[in-house]
């Protein structure tokens, strides 16, 4: 025989808090997580801006060096690239996260092929950077000792020797 609970606490046996309090706790937890994520993204954004400024500075130095070596065209090209990278760094430092996301979405809608190609190129650069920053080489030191040596010819190619017989080959 079932009884009806008219107090509104049905299904909360052993639970001291009503559903409204639980919802507020869940919202507070979700808000905390969102704030942490936003803080991390903001830090990453600032780190990226600092890195881009560093790259721009190095490119400017390279451009100056190229111009000193009488390679004016290449030097000018590198200088322009440095200016564009510096503009991107300044944009990252000053723009709001939502504004950046809106700009990226807008660009992806206007020019999807360029966006996908750029994302692919950035992925390649990031993987290259991450694989180099690990500092570990995939080859053992034992294997790398032999990279500069010639591989001897197969036994069958040595003069005066017959090729080894293959027991799996059918006779002609």
Protein backbone atom coordinates (compact mmCIF):
# COMPACT_ATOMS: atom_id res chain seq x y z
CA UNK A 1 0.00 0.00 0.00
CA UNK A 2 1.59 3.23 -1.13
CA UNK A 3 1.12 6.50 0.63
CA UNK A 4 1.30 9.83 -1.01
CA UNK A 5 3.78 12.36 0.31
CA UNK A 6 2.32 15.81 0.05
CA UNK A 7 5.29 17.57 1.60
CA UNK A 8 7.25 17.72 -1.67
CA UNK A 9 10.19 15.64 -0.44
CA UNK A 10 9.34 12.51 -2.36
CA UNK A 11 12.43 10.63 -3.50
CA UNK A 12 14.74 12.42 -1.10
CA UNK A 13 15.05 9.82 1.63
CA UNK A 14 18.14 10.43 3.64
CA UNK A 15 18.74 13.69 1.82
CA UNK A 16 18.55 16.78 3.97
CA UNK A 17 18.45 19.34 1.15
CA UNK A 18 15.50 20.01 -1.13
CA UNK A 19 15.98 20.01 -4.94
CA UNK A 20 16.16 23.83 -5.12
CA UNK A 21 19.21 23.87 -2.85
CA UNK A 22 20.85 21.11 -4.90
CA UNK A 23 20.24 23.09 -8.10
CA UNK A 24 21.86 26.16 -6.58
CA UNK A 25 24.89 24.11 -5.53
CA UNK A 26 25.19 22.63 -9.02
CA UNK A 27 24.92 26.08 -10.58
CA UNK A 28 27.58 27.42 -8.23
CA UNK A 29 29.87 24.49 -9.11
CA UNK A 30 29.28 25.03 -12.81
CA UNK A 31 29.96 28.74 -12.41
CA UNK A 32 33.22 27.99 -10.60
CA UNK A 33 34.31 25.64 -13.36
CA UNK A 34 33.42 28.19 -16.03
CA UNK A 35 35.36 30.90 -14.18
CA UNK A 36 38.39 28.63 -13.89
CA UNK A 37 38.21 27.74 -17.58
CA UNK A 38 37.90 31.40 -18.55
CA UNK A 39 40.86 32.28 -16.34
CA UNK A 40 42.99 29.57 -17.94
CA UNK A 41 42.00 30.63 -21.43
CA UNK A 42 42.81 34.26 -20.59
CA UNK A 43 46.23 33.20 -19.30
CA UNK A 44 46.82 31.15 -22.43
CA UNK A 45 45.77 34.11 -24.55
CA UNK A 46 48.28 36.37 -22.80
CA UNK A 47 51.02 33.72 -23.10
CA UNK A 48 50.28 33.41 -26.82
CA UNK A 49 50.51 37.19 -27.20
CA UNK A 50 53.89 37.25 -25.46
CA UNK A 51 55.14 34.41 -27.66
CA UNK A 52 53.91 36.15 -30.80
CA UNK A 53 55.66 39.37 -29.76
CA UNK A 54 58.86 37.38 -29.27
CA UNK A 55 58.50 35.82 -32.73
CA UNK A 56 57.86 39.26 -34.25
CA UNK A 57 60.99 40.63 -32.59
CA UNK A 58 63.11 37.79 -33.94
CA UNK A 59 61.64 38.22 -37.40
CA UNK A 60 62.45 41.93 -37.31
CA UNK A 61 66.05 41.06 -36.44
CA UNK A 62 66.17 38.54 -39.28
CA UNK A 63 64.73 41.11 -41.69
CA UNK A 64 67.35 43.65 -40.68
CA UNK A 65 70.08 41.07 -41.12
CA UNK A 66 68.78 40.13 -44.57
CA UNK A 67 68.76 43.78 -45.61
CA UNK A 68 72.33 44.17 -44.35
CA UNK A 69 73.29 41.22 -46.56
CA UNK A 70 71.86 42.97 -49.63
CA UNK A 71 68.72 40.82 -49.76
CA UNK A 72 66.25 43.67 -49.69
CA UNK A 73 63.25 41.78 -51.10
CA UNK A 74 63.48 38.96 -48.56
CA UNK A 75 64.21 41.44 -45.77
CA UNK A 76 61.14 43.49 -46.60
CA UNK A 77 58.97 40.37 -46.76
CA UNK A 78 60.19 39.24 -43.33
CA UNK A 79 59.62 42.74 -41.91
CA UNK A 80 56.03 42.72 -43.16
CA UNK A 81 55.47 39.30 -41.63
CA UNK A 82 56.82 40.63 -38.32
CA UNK A 83 54.40 43.57 -38.48
CA UNK A 84 51.43 41.25 -39.09
CA UNK A 85 52.45 38.97 -36.24
CA UNK A 86 52.83 41.98 -33.97
CA UNK A 87 49.33 43.14 -34.93
CA UNK A 88 47.97 39.70 -34.07
CA UNK A 89 49.73 39.79 -30.69
CA UNK A 90 48.28 43.23 -29.91
CA UNK A 91 44.82 42.00 -30.91
CA UNK A 92 45.15 39.01 -28.58
CA UNK A 93 46.18 41.25 -25.69
CA UNK A 94 43.35 43.74 -26.10
CA UNK A 95 40.40 41.72 -27.43
CA UNK A 96 37.81 40.03 -25.28
CA UNK A 97 37.57 36.23 -25.54
CA UNK A 98 34.00 36.34 -26.86
CA UNK A 99 35.05 38.89 -29.49
CA UNK A 100 37.86 36.61 -30.68
CA UNK A 101 35.51 33.63 -30.94
CA UNK A 102 32.98 35.71 -32.90
CA UNK A 103 35.69 36.90 -35.30
CA UNK A 104 36.95 33.36 -35.89
CA UNK A 105 33.43 32.06 -36.49
CA UNK A 106 32.72 34.89 -38.91
CA UNK A 107 35.92 34.25 -40.84
CA UNK A 108 35.24 30.49 -40.97
CA UNK A 109 31.81 31.16 -42.49
CA UNK A 110 33.13 33.65 -45.05
CA UNK A 111 36.18 31.65 -46.19
CA UNK A 112 35.89 28.01 -45.06
CA UNK A 113 38.69 26.69 -47.28
CA UNK A 114 41.18 29.23 -45.98
CA UNK A 115 40.05 28.56 -42.40
CA UNK A 116 40.48 24.79 -42.73
CA UNK A 117 43.85 25.21 -44.44
CA UNK A 118 45.01 27.59 -41.72
CA UNK A 119 43.81 25.27 -38.99
CA UNK A 120 45.67 22.40 -40.64
CA UNK A 121 48.86 24.46 -40.91
CA UNK A 122 48.58 25.58 -37.28
CA UNK A 123 48.08 21.96 -36.25
CA UNK A 124 51.22 20.93 -38.09
CA UNK A 125 53.21 23.75 -36.53
CA UNK A 126 51.89 22.95 -33.07
CA UNK A 127 52.70 19.25 -33.41
CA UNK A 128 56.17 20.10 -34.67
CA UNK A 129 56.71 22.50 -31.78
CA UNK A 130 55.43 20.03 -29.20
CA UNK A 131 57.48 17.14 -30.55
CA UNK A 132 60.63 19.29 -30.51
CA UNK A 133 59.95 20.76 -27.08
CA UNK A 134 59.80 17.34 -25.44
CA UNK A 135 63.56 17.07 -25.69
CA UNK A 136 63.51 13.34 -26.19
CA UNK A 137 64.68 11.76 -29.36
CA UNK A 138 62.73 8.76 -30.58
CA UNK A 139 65.87 6.94 -31.62
CA UNK A 140 68.03 5.28 -29.09
CA UNK A 141 71.60 6.43 -28.89
CA UNK A 142 72.53 2.92 -29.98
CA UNK A 143 70.60 3.28 -33.25
CA UNK A 144 71.76 6.81 -34.03
CA UNK A 145 75.42 5.69 -34.05
CA UNK A 146 74.87 3.87 -37.32
CA UNK A 147 73.04 6.57 -39.27
CA UNK A 148 76.17 7.87 -40.99
CA UNK A 149 77.35 4.48 -42.19
CA UNK A 150 76.73 2.83 -45.52
CA UNK A 151 74.51 -0.18 -45.73
CA UNK A 152 76.38 -3.19 -47.14
CA UNK A 153 75.02 -4.65 -50.37
CA UNK A 154 72.87 -7.79 -50.14
CA UNK A 155 74.68 -11.10 -50.21
CA UNK A 156 73.37 -11.92 -53.70
CA UNK A 157 75.00 -8.80 -55.15
CA UNK A 158 78.54 -9.65 -54.07
CA UNK A 159 80.75 -10.67 -57.00
CA UNK A 160 81.42 -14.37 -57.40
CA UNK A 161 78.47 -15.53 -55.33
CA UNK A 162 75.25 -17.02 -56.56
CA UNK A 163 72.00 -15.66 -55.21
CA UNK A 164 70.69 -17.68 -52.27
CA UNK A 165 68.17 -20.32 -53.22
CA UNK A 166 64.58 -19.80 -52.28
CA UNK A 167 62.92 -23.02 -51.10
CA UNK A 168 59.48 -21.48 -51.57
CA UNK A 169 59.94 -20.69 -55.23
CA UNK A 170 58.60 -23.19 -57.76
CA UNK A 171 61.18 -24.58 -60.17
CA UNK A 172 61.03 -23.28 -63.74
